[in-house]
C-alpha atoms as a PDB file:
ATOM      1  CA  UNK A   1      -8.077  -4.398 -36.645  1.00  0.00           C
ATOM      2  CA  UNK A   2      -4.300  -4.062 -37.090  1.00  0.00           C
ATOM      3  CA  UNK A   3      -4.606  -3.683 -40.871  1.00  0.00           C
ATOM      4  CA  UNK A   4      -7.210  -0.936 -40.455  1.00  0.00           C
ATOM      5  CA  UNK A   5      -5.020   0.817 -37.926  1.00  0.00           C
ATOM      6  CA  UNK A   6      -2.041   0.629 -40.270  1.00  0.00           C
ATOM      7  CA  UNK A   7      -4.122   2.062 -43.099  1.00  0.00           C
ATOM      8  CA  UNK A   8      -5.297   4.878 -40.849  1.00  0.00           C
ATOM      9  CA  UNK A   9      -1.741   5.699 -39.776  1.00  0.00           C
ATOM     10  CA  UNK A  10      -0.577   5.687 -43.401  1.00  0.00           C
ATOM     11  CA  UNK A  11      -3.453   7.999 -44.352  1.00  0.00           C
ATOM     12  CA  UNK A  12      -2.621  10.440 -41.571  1.00  0.00           C
ATOM     13  CA  UNK A  13       1.076  10.352 -42.358  1.00  0.00           C
ATOM     14  CA  UNK A  14       0.402  11.114 -46.034  1.00  0.00           C
ATOM     15  CA  UNK A  15      -1.815  14.075 -45.165  1.00  0.00           C
ATOM     16  CA  UNK A  16       0.628  15.512 -42.656  1.00  0.00           C
ATOM     17  CA  UNK A  17       3.557  15.144 -45.035  1.00  0.00           C
ATOM     18  CA  UNK A  18       1.673  16.867 -47.850  1.00  0.00           C
ATOM     19  CA  UNK A  19       0.446  19.604 -45.527  1.00  0.00           C
ATOM     20  CA  UNK A  20       3.935  20.175 -44.207  1.00  0.00           C
ATOM     21  CA  UNK A  21       5.408  20.476 -47.699  1.00  0.00           C
ATOM     22  CA  UNK A  22       2.619  22.844 -48.764  1.00  0.00           C
ATOM     23  CA  UNK A  23       3.179  25.024 -45.716  1.00  0.00           C
ATOM     24  CA  UNK A  24       6.931  25.106 -46.218  1.00  0.00           C
ATOM     25  CA  UNK A  25       6.526  26.287 -49.812  1.00  0.00           C
ATOM     26  CA  UNK A  26       4.506  29.275 -48.713  1.00  0.00           C
ATOM     27  CA  UNK A  27       6.481  29.873 -45.561  1.00  0.00           C
ATOM     28  CA  UNK A  28       9.600  30.449 -47.602  1.00  0.00           C
ATOM     29  CA  UNK A  29       7.867  33.516 -48.957  1.00  0.00           C
ATOM     30  CA  UNK A  30       6.271  34.467 -45.641  1.00  0.00           C
ATOM     31  CA  UNK A  31       8.747  33.970 -42.762  1.00  0.00           C
ATOM     32  CA  UNK A  32       6.328  35.308 -40.153  1.00  0.00           C
ATOM     33  CA  UNK A  33       4.036  32.337 -40.689  1.00  0.00           C
ATOM     34  CA  UNK A  34       6.504  29.999 -39.008  1.00  0.00           C
ATOM     35  CA  UNK A  35       5.317  31.155 -35.593  1.00  0.00           C
ATOM     36  CA  UNK A  36       1.701  30.378 -36.461  1.00  0.00           C
ATOM     37  CA  UNK A  37       2.617  26.915 -37.755  1.00  0.00           C
ATOM     38  CA  UNK A  38       4.733  26.232 -34.672  1.00  0.00           C
ATOM     39  CA  UNK A  39       1.849  27.246 -32.412  1.00  0.00           C
ATOM     40  CA  UNK A  40      -0.485  24.947 -34.348  1.00  0.00           C
ATOM     41  CA  UNK A  41       1.898  22.010 -34.021  1.00  0.00           C
ATOM     42  CA  UNK A  42       2.309  22.611 -30.290  1.00  0.00           C
ATOM     43  CA  UNK A  43      -1.470  22.835 -29.810  1.00  0.00           C
ATOM     44  CA  UNK A  44      -1.885  19.480 -31.563  1.00  0.00           C
ATOM     45  CA  UNK A  45       1.087  17.650 -30.063  1.00  0.00           C
ATOM     46  CA  UNK A  46       0.585  18.584 -26.395  1.00  0.00           C
ATOM     47  CA  UNK A  47      -2.710  16.661 -25.878  1.00  0.00           C
ATOM     48  CA  UNK A  48      -1.527  13.757 -28.026  1.00  0.00           C
ATOM     49  CA  UNK A  49       1.780  13.389 -26.177  1.00  0.00           C
ATOM     50  CA  UNK A  50       0.068  13.820 -22.809  1.00  0.00           C
ATOM     51  CA  UNK A  51      -2.398  11.048 -23.648  1.00  0.00           C
ATOM     52  CA  UNK A  52       0.385   8.701 -24.768  1.00  0.00           C
ATOM     53  CA  UNK A  53       2.462   9.448 -21.656  1.00  0.00           C
ATOM     54  CA  UNK A  54      -0.438   8.719 -19.312  1.00  0.00           C
ATOM     55  CA  UNK A  55      -1.388   5.600 -21.268  1.00  0.00           C
ATOM     56  CA  UNK A  56       2.063   4.017 -21.199  1.00  0.00           C
ATOM     57  CA  UNK A  57       2.756   5.069 -17.606  1.00  0.00           C
ATOM     58  CA  UNK A  58      -0.512   3.551 -16.387  1.00  0.00           C
ATOM     59  CA  UNK A  59       0.305   0.210 -18.009  1.00  0.00           C
ATOM     60  CA  UNK A  60       3.332  -0.229 -15.779  1.00  0.00           C
ATOM     61  CA  UNK A  61       1.806   1.270 -12.643  1.00  0.00           C
ATOM     62  CA  UNK A  62       0.121  -1.897 -11.358  1.00  0.00           C
ATOM     63  CA  UNK A  63       1.090  -5.517 -11.894  1.00  0.00           C
ATOM     64  CA  UNK A  64      -2.067  -7.621 -11.962  1.00  0.00           C
ATOM     65  CA  UNK A  65      -1.725 -11.175 -10.573  1.00  0.00           C
ATOM     66  CA  UNK A  66      -1.663 -13.588 -13.491  1.00  0.00           C
ATOM     67  CA  UNK A  67      -3.807 -16.624 -14.143  1.00  0.00           C
ATOM     68  CA  UNK A  68      -2.087 -19.846 -13.125  1.00  0.00           C
ATOM     69  CA  UNK A  69      -3.973 -22.969 -14.146  1.00  0.00           C
ATOM     70  CA  UNK A  70      -4.580 -23.353 -17.876  1.00  0.00           C
ATOM     71  CA  UNK A  71      -7.151 -26.028 -18.726  1.00  0.00           C
ATOM     72  CA  UNK A  72      -7.032 -25.793 -22.509  1.00  0.00           C
ATOM     73  CA  UNK A  73      -6.656 -23.479 -25.484  1.00  0.00           C
ATOM     74  CA  UNK A  74      -9.504 -23.178 -27.975  1.00  0.00           C
ATOM     75  CA  UNK A  75      -9.267 -21.844 -31.500  1.00  0.00           C
ATOM     76  CA  UNK A  76     -12.001 -20.159 -33.502  1.00  0.00           C
ATOM     77  CA  UNK A  77     -12.379 -18.169 -36.684  1.00  0.00           C
ATOM     78  CA  UNK A  78     -13.350 -14.518 -36.313  1.00  0.00           C
ATOM     79  CA  UNK A  79     -13.563 -12.168 -39.289  1.00  0.00           C
ATOM     80  CA  UNK A  80     -11.647 -14.663 -41.381  1.00  0.00           C
ATOM     81  CA  UNK A  81      -8.784 -14.924 -38.888  1.00  0.00           C
ATOM     82  CA  UNK A  82      -7.882 -17.665 -36.431  1.00  0.00           C
ATOM     83  CA  UNK A  83      -8.198 -16.524 -32.824  1.00  0.00           C
ATOM     84  CA  UNK A  84      -7.007 -18.482 -29.775  1.00  0.00           C
ATOM     85  CA  UNK A  85      -8.795 -18.354 -26.421  1.00  0.00           C
ATOM     86  CA  UNK A  86      -7.193 -19.527 -23.179  1.00  0.00           C
ATOM     87  CA  UNK A  87      -9.584 -21.458 -20.952  1.00  0.00           C
ATOM     88  CA  UNK A  88      -8.430 -21.110 -17.351  1.00  0.00           C
ATOM     89  CA  UNK A  89      -9.281 -23.564 -14.613  1.00  0.00           C
ATOM     90  CA  UNK A  90     -12.242 -22.561 -12.453  1.00  0.00           C
ATOM     91  CA  UNK A  91     -12.011 -23.912  -8.898  1.00  0.00           C
ATOM     92  CA  UNK A  92     -15.054 -26.085  -8.229  1.00  0.00           C
ATOM     93  CA  UNK A  93     -17.244 -25.736  -5.181  1.00  0.00           C
ATOM     94  CA  UNK A  94     -16.757 -27.886  -2.085  1.00  0.00           C
ATOM     95  CA  UNK A  95     -19.107 -28.485   0.833  1.00  0.00           C
ATOM     96  CA  UNK A  96     -17.666 -28.982   4.335  1.00  0.00           C
ATOM     97  CA  UNK A  97     -18.297 -28.094   7.995  1.00  0.00           C
ATOM     98  CA  UNK A  98     -16.665 -25.131   9.729  1.00  0.00           C
ATOM     99  CA  UNK A  99     -15.486 -24.562  13.317  1.00  0.00           C
ATOM    100  CA  UNK A 100     -18.962 -23.355  14.342  1.00  0.00           C
ATOM    101  CA  UNK A 101     -20.636 -26.536  13.136  1.00  0.00           C
ATOM    102  CA  UNK A 102     -22.174 -24.845  10.083  1.00  0.00           C
ATOM    103  CA  UNK A 103     -22.206 -26.644   6.758  1.00  0.00           C
ATOM    104  CA  UNK A 104     -20.770 -24.221   4.205  1.00  0.00           C
ATOM    105  CA  UNK A 105     -19.872 -24.152   0.532  1.00  0.00           C
ATOM    106  CA  UNK A 106     -16.839 -22.401  -0.876  1.00  0.00           C
ATOM    107  CA  UNK A 107     -19.179 -20.579  -3.248  1.00  0.00           C
ATOM    108  CA  UNK A 108     -21.041 -19.155  -0.244  1.00  0.00           C
ATOM    109  CA  UNK A 109     -18.259 -16.550  -0.160  1.00  0.00           C
ATOM    110  CA  UNK A 110     -19.808 -14.888  -3.186  1.00  0.00           C
ATOM    111  CA  UNK A 111     -18.050 -11.779  -4.461  1.00  0.00           C
ATOM    112  CA  UNK A 112     -15.097 -12.268  -2.117  1.00  0.00           C
ATOM    113  CA  UNK A 113     -11.430 -12.925  -2.729  1.00  0.00           C
ATOM    114  CA  UNK A 114     -10.441 -16.219  -1.081  1.00  0.00           C
ATOM    115  CA  UNK A 115      -7.165 -17.130   0.645  1.00  0.00           C
ATOM    116  CA  UNK A 116      -6.686 -20.800   1.539  1.00  0.00           C
ATOM    117  CA  UNK A 117      -4.180 -22.952   3.370  1.00  0.00           C
ATOM    118  CA  UNK A 118      -3.888 -26.472   4.834  1.00  0.00           C
ATOM    119  CA  UNK A 119      -3.144 -27.409   8.445  1.00  0.00           C
ATOM    120  CA  UNK A 120      -4.043 -29.769  11.303  1.00  0.00           C
ATOM    121  CA  UNK A 121      -4.536 -28.879  14.942  1.00  0.00           C
ATOM    122  CA  UNK A 122      -1.997 -31.328  16.383  1.00  0.00           C
ATOM    123  CA  UNK A 123       0.768 -30.075  14.087  1.00  0.00           C
ATOM    124  CA  UNK A 124       3.881 -29.080  15.987  1.00  0.00           C
ATOM    125  CA  UNK A 125       5.921 -27.759  13.075  1.00  0.00           C
ATOM    126  CA  UNK A 126       4.765 -25.202  10.478  1.00  0.00           C
ATOM    127  CA  UNK A 127       1.009 -25.039  11.165  1.00  0.00           C
ATOM    128  CA  UNK A 128       1.083 -22.687  14.179  1.00  0.00           C
ATOM    129  CA  UNK A 129       3.236 -20.211  12.244  1.00  0.00           C
ATOM    130  CA  UNK A 130       0.936 -20.464   9.209  1.00  0.00           C
ATOM    131  CA  UNK A 131      -2.110 -19.771  11.377  1.00  0.00           C
ATOM    132  CA  UNK A 132      -0.439 -16.811  13.096  1.00  0.00           C
ATOM    133  CA  UNK A 133       0.492 -15.307   9.742  1.00  0.00           C
ATOM    134  CA  UNK A 134      -3.001 -15.842   8.386  1.00  0.00           C
ATOM    135  CA  UNK A 135      -4.368 -14.164  11.530  1.00  0.00           C
ATOM    136  CA  UNK A 136      -2.089 -11.155  10.937  1.00  0.00           C
ATOM    137  CA  UNK A 137      -3.360 -10.971   7.375  1.00  0.00           C
ATOM    138  CA  UNK A 138      -6.953 -11.062   8.611  1.00  0.00           C
ATOM    139  CA  UNK A 139      -6.224  -8.319  11.136  1.00  0.00           C
ATOM    140  CA  UNK A 140      -4.813  -6.143   8.356  1.00  0.00           C
ATOM    141  CA  UNK A 141      -8.361  -5.704   7.081  1.00  0.00           C
ATOM    142  CA  UNK A 142      -9.510  -3.848  10.193  1.00  0.00           C
ATOM    143  CA  UNK A 143     -11.744  -0.970   9.144  1.00  0.00           C
ATOM    144  CA  UNK A 144      -9.891   2.319   9.355  1.00  0.00           C
ATOM    145  CA  UNK A 145     -10.902   4.500  12.280  1.00  0.00           C
ATOM    146  CA  UNK A 146     -13.127   1.890  13.929  1.00  0.00           C
ATOM    147  CA  UNK A 147     -12.490   2.153  17.655  1.00  0.00           C
ATOM    148  CA  UNK A 148     -13.758  -1.423  18.095  1.00  0.00           C
ATOM    149  CA  UNK A 149     -11.134  -2.713  15.645  1.00  0.00           C
ATOM    150  CA  UNK A 150     -13.875  -4.328  13.603  1.00  0.00           C
ATOM    151  CA  UNK A 151     -12.602  -6.367  10.651  1.00  0.00           C
ATOM    152  CA  UNK A 152     -14.070  -5.718   7.226  1.00  0.00           C
ATOM    153  CA  UNK A 153     -15.409  -9.188   6.406  1.00  0.00           C
ATOM    154  CA  UNK A 154     -16.883  -8.229   3.040  1.00  0.00           C
ATOM    155  CA  UNK A 155     -13.623  -8.268   1.091  1.00  0.00           C
ATOM    156  CA  UNK A 156     -11.717 -11.493   1.797  1.00  0.00           C
ATOM    157  CA  UNK A 157     -12.708 -14.963   2.960  1.00  0.00           C
ATOM    158  CA  UNK A 158      -9.978 -16.984   4.675  1.00  0.00           C
ATOM    159  CA  UNK A 159     -10.332 -20.758   4.462  1.00  0.00           C
ATOM    160  CA  UNK A 160      -8.154 -23.303   6.275  1.00  0.00           C
ATOM    161  CA  UNK A 161      -8.641 -26.984   5.420  1.00  0.00           C
ATOM    162  CA  UNK A 162      -7.636 -29.592   7.985  1.00  0.00           C
ATOM    163  CA  UNK A 163      -5.641 -32.453   6.479  1.00  0.00           C
ATOM    164  CA  UNK A 164      -6.461 -34.624   9.499  1.00  0.00           C
ATOM    165  CA  UNK A 165     -10.276 -34.539   9.517  1.00  0.00           C
ATOM    166  CA  UNK A 166     -10.549 -37.846  11.434  1.00  0.00           C
ATOM    167  CA  UNK A 167      -9.177 -36.172  14.557  1.00  0.00           C
ATOM    168  CA  UNK A 168     -10.013 -32.526  13.881  1.00  0.00           C
ATOM    169  CA  UNK A 169     -13.625 -32.375  15.003  1.00  0.00           C
ATOM    170  CA  UNK A 170     -15.735 -29.228  15.020  1.00  0.00           C
ATOM    171  CA  UNK A 171     -15.056 -28.696  18.736  1.00  0.00           C
ATOM    172  CA  UNK A 172     -11.328 -29.144  18.237  1.00  0.00           C
ATOM    173  CA  UNK A 173     -11.293 -26.665  15.343  1.00  0.00           C
ATOM    174  CA  UNK A 174     -13.215 -24.136  17.438  1.00  0.00           C
ATOM    175  CA  UNK A 175     -10.722 -24.405  20.299  1.00  0.00           C
ATOM    176  CA  UNK A 176      -7.806 -24.017  17.886  1.00  0.00           C
ATOM    177  CA  UNK A 177      -9.426 -21.015  16.175  1.00  0.00           C
ATOM    178  CA  UNK A 178     -10.087 -19.255  19.471  1.00  0.00           C
ATOM    179  CA  UNK A 179      -6.495 -19.865  20.549  1.00  0.00           C
ATOM    180  CA  UNK A 180      -5.249 -17.805  17.600  1.00  0.00           C
ATOM    181  CA  UNK A 181      -7.895 -15.090  17.804  1.00  0.00           C
ATOM    182  CA  UNK A 182      -9.669 -16.078  14.599  1.00  0.00           C
ATOM    183  CA  UNK A 183     -12.602 -13.900  13.546  1.00  0.00           C
ATOM    184  CA  UNK A 184     -15.201 -16.515  12.602  1.00  0.00           C
ATOM    185  CA  UNK A 185     -17.112 -14.120  10.349  1.00  0.00           C
ATOM    186  CA  UNK A 186     -14.663 -14.425   7.461  1.00  0.00           C
ATOM    187  CA  UNK A 187     -12.353 -17.284   8.386  1.00  0.00           C
ATOM    188  CA  UNK A 188     -13.523 -20.866   8.122  1.00  0.00           C
ATOM    189  CA  UNK A 189     -11.583 -23.804   9.474  1.00  0.00           C
ATOM    190  CA  UNK A 190     -13.082 -26.735   7.637  1.00  0.00           C
ATOM    191  CA  UNK A 191     -13.381 -30.451   8.295  1.00  0.00           C
ATOM    192  CA  UNK A 192     -15.237 -33.249   6.554  1.00  0.00           C
ATOM    193  CA  UNK A 193     -14.453 -36.044   4.146  1.00  0.00           C
ATOM    194  CA  UNK A 194     -10.707 -36.612   3.811  1.00  0.00           C
ATOM    195  CA  UNK A 195     -11.132 -37.768   0.220  1.00  0.00           C
ATOM    196  CA  UNK A 196     -13.010 -34.574  -0.658  1.00  0.00           C
ATOM    197  CA  UNK A 197     -10.387 -32.334   0.969  1.00  0.00           C
ATOM    198  CA  UNK A 198      -7.417 -34.081  -0.663  1.00  0.00           C
ATOM    199  CA  UNK A 199      -9.127 -34.216  -4.044  1.00  0.00           C
ATOM    200  CA  UNK A 200      -9.856 -30.499  -3.762  1.00  0.00           C
ATOM    201  CA  UNK A 201      -6.240 -29.740  -2.826  1.00  0.00           C
ATOM    202  CA  UNK A 202      -4.693 -31.589  -5.764  1.00  0.00           C
ATOM    203  CA  UNK A 203      -7.338 -31.389  -8.487  1.00  0.00           C
ATOM    204  CA  UNK A 204      -8.803 -27.936  -7.877  1.00  0.00           C
ATOM    205  CA  UNK A 205      -6.094 -25.883  -6.168  1.00  0.00           C
ATOM    206  CA  UNK A 206      -3.260 -28.026  -7.573  1.00  0.00           C
ATOM    207  CA  UNK A 207      -1.055 -27.243  -4.594  1.00  0.00           C
ATOM    208  CA  UNK A 208       1.693 -29.493  -5.940  1.00  0.00           C
ATOM    209  CA  UNK A 209       2.211 -27.342  -9.038  1.00  0.00           C
ATOM    210  CA  UNK A 210       4.751 -24.485  -9.119  1.00  0.00           C
ATOM    211  CA  UNK A 211       6.006 -25.739  -5.761  1.00  0.00           C
ATOM    212  CA  UNK A 212       9.633 -25.783  -4.649  1.00  0.00           C
ATOM    213  CA  UNK A 213       8.833 -28.128  -1.780  1.00  0.00           C
ATOM    214  CA  UNK A 214       7.773 -31.775  -2.263  1.00  0.00           C
ATOM    215  CA  UNK A 215       4.147 -32.432  -1.309  1.00  0.00           C
ATOM    216  CA  UNK A 216       3.096 -35.923  -0.310  1.00  0.00           C
ATOM    217  CA  UNK A 217      -0.183 -36.871  -2.066  1.00  0.00           C
ATOM    218  CA  UNK A 218      -1.119 -38.822   1.058  1.00  0.00           C
ATOM    219  CA  UNK A 219      -0.478 -35.916   3.423  1.00  0.00           C
ATOM    220  CA  UNK A 220      -0.994 -32.348   2.203  1.00  0.00           C
ATOM    221  CA  UNK A 221       1.507 -30.758   4.560  1.00  0.00           C
ATOM    222  CA  UNK A 222       2.438 -27.549   2.756  1.00  0.00           C
ATOM    223  CA  UNK A 223       3.319 -23.974   3.685  1.00  0.00           C
ATOM    224  CA  UNK A 224       1.506 -22.586   0.645  1.00  0.00           C
ATOM    225  CA  UNK A 225      -1.252 -20.005   0.715  1.00  0.00           C
ATOM    226  CA  UNK A 226      -3.422 -20.028  -2.408  1.00  0.00           C
ATOM    227  CA  UNK A 227      -5.143 -16.892  -3.708  1.00  0.00           C
ATOM    228  CA  UNK A 228      -8.479 -17.273  -5.531  1.00  0.00           C
ATOM    229  CA  UNK A 229     -10.273 -14.349  -7.167  1.00  0.00           C
ATOM    230  CA  UNK A 230     -13.980 -13.497  -7.155  1.00  0.00           C
ATOM    231  CA  UNK A 231     -14.558 -15.638 -10.247  1.00  0.00           C
ATOM    232  CA  UNK A 232     -12.829 -18.645  -8.639  1.00  0.00           C
ATOM    233  CA  UNK A 233      -9.626 -18.542 -10.699  1.00  0.00           C
ATOM    234  CA  UNK A 234      -6.323 -19.282  -8.931  1.00  0.00           C
ATOM    235  CA  UNK A 235      -4.271 -16.080  -9.051  1.00  0.00           C
ATOM    236  CA  UNK A 236      -1.270 -16.880  -6.903  1.00  0.00           C
ATOM    237  CA  UNK A 237       0.719 -19.228  -4.657  1.00  0.00           C
ATOM    238  CA  UNK A 238       2.633 -17.832  -1.685  1.00  0.00           C
ATOM    239  CA  UNK A 239       4.954 -19.073   1.032  1.00  0.00           C
ATOM    240  CA  UNK A 240       2.966 -18.649   4.229  1.00  0.00           C
ATOM    241  CA  UNK A 241       6.191 -18.610   6.269  1.00  0.00           C
ATOM    242  CA  UNK A 242       7.980 -15.901   4.301  1.00  0.00           C
ATOM    243  CA  UNK A 243       7.332 -12.239   5.115  1.00  0.00           C
ATOM    244  CA  UNK A 244       8.205 -11.022   1.604  1.00  0.00           C
ATOM    245  CA  UNK A 245       5.842 -13.531   0.023  1.00  0.00           C
ATOM    246  CA  UNK A 246       3.086 -12.564   2.453  1.00  0.00           C
ATOM    247  CA  UNK A 247       3.651  -8.904   1.613  1.00  0.00           C
ATOM    248  CA  UNK A 248       3.185  -9.745  -2.053  1.00  0.00           C
ATOM    249  CA  UNK A 249      -0.018 -11.627  -1.194  1.00  0.00           C
ATOM    250  CA  UNK A 250      -1.386  -8.567   0.609  1.00  0.00           C
ATOM    251  CA  UNK A 251      -0.578  -6.360  -2.394  1.00  0.00           C
ATOM    252  CA  UNK A 252      -2.160  -8.829  -4.804  1.00  0.00           C
ATOM    253  CA  UNK A 253      -5.341  -8.912  -2.727  1.00  0.00           C
ATOM    254  CA  UNK A 254      -5.479  -5.126  -2.995  1.00  0.00           C
ATOM    255  CA  UNK A 255      -5.122  -5.281  -6.771  1.00  0.00           C
ATOM    256  CA  UNK A 256      -7.822  -7.950  -7.116  1.00  0.00           C
ATOM    257  CA  UNK A 257     -10.151  -5.840  -4.979  1.00  0.00           C
ATOM    258  CA  UNK A 258      -9.993  -3.191  -7.695  1.00  0.00           C
ATOM    259  CA  UNK A 259     -10.214  -5.612 -10.602  1.00  0.00           C
ATOM    260  CA  UNK A 260     -13.322  -5.123 -12.705  1.00  0.00           C
ATOM    261  CA  UNK A 261     -15.999  -7.753 -12.892  1.00  0.00           C
ATOM    262  CA  UNK A 262     -15.751 -10.191 -15.768  1.00  0.00           C
ATOM    263  CA  UNK A 263     -18.169  -9.526 -18.611  1.00  0.00           C
ATOM    264  CA  UNK A 264     -18.484  -8.613 -22.253  1.00  0.00           C
ATOM    265  CA  UNK A 265     -16.278  -5.737 -23.253  1.00  0.00           C
ATOM    266  CA  UNK A 266     -18.159  -2.580 -24.036  1.00  0.00           C
ATOM    267  CA  UNK A 267     -17.566  -1.125 -27.454  1.00  0.00           C
ATOM    268  CA  UNK A 268     -16.373   2.436 -27.842  1.00  0.00           C
ATOM    269  CA  UNK A 269     -19.009   4.896 -29.035  1.00  0.00           C
ATOM    270  CA  UNK A 270     -16.756   5.624 -32.035  1.00  0.00           C
ATOM    271  CA  UNK A 271     -14.372   3.811 -34.353  1.00  0.00           C
ATOM    272  CA  UNK A 272     -10.828   4.744 -33.225  1.00  0.00           C
ATOM    273  CA  UNK A 273      -9.451   4.272 -36.750  1.00  0.00           C
ATOM    274  CA  UNK A 274     -12.039   6.596 -38.282  1.00  0.00           C
ATOM    275  CA  UNK A 275     -11.437   9.072 -35.475  1.00  0.00           C
ATOM    276  CA  UNK A 276      -7.713   9.038 -36.301  1.00  0.00           C
ATOM    277  CA  UNK A 277      -8.471   9.635 -39.986  1.00  0.00           C
ATOM    278  CA  UNK A 278     -10.805  12.536 -39.158  1.00  0.00           C
ATOM    279  CA  UNK A 279      -8.112  13.992 -36.919  1.00  0.00           C
ATOM    280  CA  UNK A 280      -5.599  13.818 -39.778  1.00  0.00           C
ATOM    281  CA  UNK A 281      -8.020  15.475 -42.185  1.00  0.00           C
ATOM    282  CA  UNK A 282      -8.716  18.212 -39.647  1.00  0.00           C
ATOM    283  CA  UNK A 283      -5.002  18.938 -39.276  1.00  0.00           C
ATOM    284  CA  UNK A 284      -4.620  19.055 -43.055  1.00  0.00           C
ATOM    285  CA  UNK A 285      -7.558  21.424 -43.488  1.00  0.00           C
ATOM    286  CA  UNK A 286      -6.318  23.773 -40.749  1.00  0.00           C
ATOM    287  CA  UNK A 287      -2.842  23.950 -42.279  1.00  0.00           C
ATOM    288  CA  UNK A 288      -4.215  24.616 -45.784  1.00  0.00           C
ATOM    289  CA  UNK A 289      -6.660  27.290 -44.587  1.00  0.00           C
ATOM    290  CA  UNK A 290      -3.961  29.093 -42.606  1.00  0.00           C
ATOM    291  CA  UNK A 291      -1.621  28.968 -45.566  1.00  0.00           C
ATOM    292  CA  UNK A 292      -4.262  30.435 -47.919  1.00  0.00           C
ATOM    293  CA  UNK A 293      -5.162  33.178 -45.453  1.00  0.00           C
ATOM    294  CA  UNK A 294      -1.561  34.181 -44.989  1.00  0.00           C
ATOM    295  CA  UNK A 295      -1.034  34.151 -48.738  1.00  0.00           C
ATOM    296  CA  UNK A 296      -4.016  36.478 -49.284  1.00  0.00           C
ATOM    297  CA  UNK A 297      -2.776  38.740 -46.530  1.00  0.00           C
ATOM    298  CA  UNK A 298       0.610  38.981 -48.224  1.00  0.00           C
ATOM    299  CA  UNK A 299      -0.955  39.861 -51.581  1.00  0.00           C
ATOM    300  CA  UNK A 300      -3.134  42.528 -49.939  1.00  0.00           C
ATOM    301  CA  UNK A 301      -0.041  44.035 -48.352  1.00  0.00           C
END
């Protein structure tokens, strides 16, 4: 693609250079034609420059949360060239029981962005603050203008995994959730097999990676919130005790809400290289025609 684009640019450049020289030869004899050529250049450059300005400005307008967990890199041959594809880690499903006694799967939150953390109800250190901050984040999704302050549960699913499932029963989780005003519709507090929860934390969410704080593999006591997109890719780690980090999490959720669904890229209805060549030819033809017309007009005068 790059070689074709280079060829197209060279072709256009050659045409424009030749057209410019041809016009200058005649314009030396016909000074009045400079205004017409200037108007033509302005008419061509304005839309082109406007397009380029919008294109480059839009690239820097929004920073999309990056992928974090790279599984492998595959290579393949396409059109005679070696192409590398990054294969990102997809978080696997897990089946546990929530604070209402319902057995749920992570994948039940289909089409939602997921925010997770780890806690235990008897924690007297960071867990209460983590839960309060998660509750504030949940409240931030209250539907605008709803006098009942109803939370929009269709966008984000909050998931808190207990790291002490032997003591954190369903009833205990329910009491804890009610204490912090949890909306059960889109916030699960999950209990179940300790092995499953710890395996999920370290093998799927990889909470120990990119972490500034040490995390004990035998006790997942961490302040991290983990952001998972609709396709179950990890898109961010955040300090659940830091207001700036939580602000970034809220912004990243907003960006992921607008992110397009994954799928095959649609091809343009035209070849951009050929379109560029046709554009160059059109410019050349217009310049030549105007030059000939002005020349005939001069002879007639």
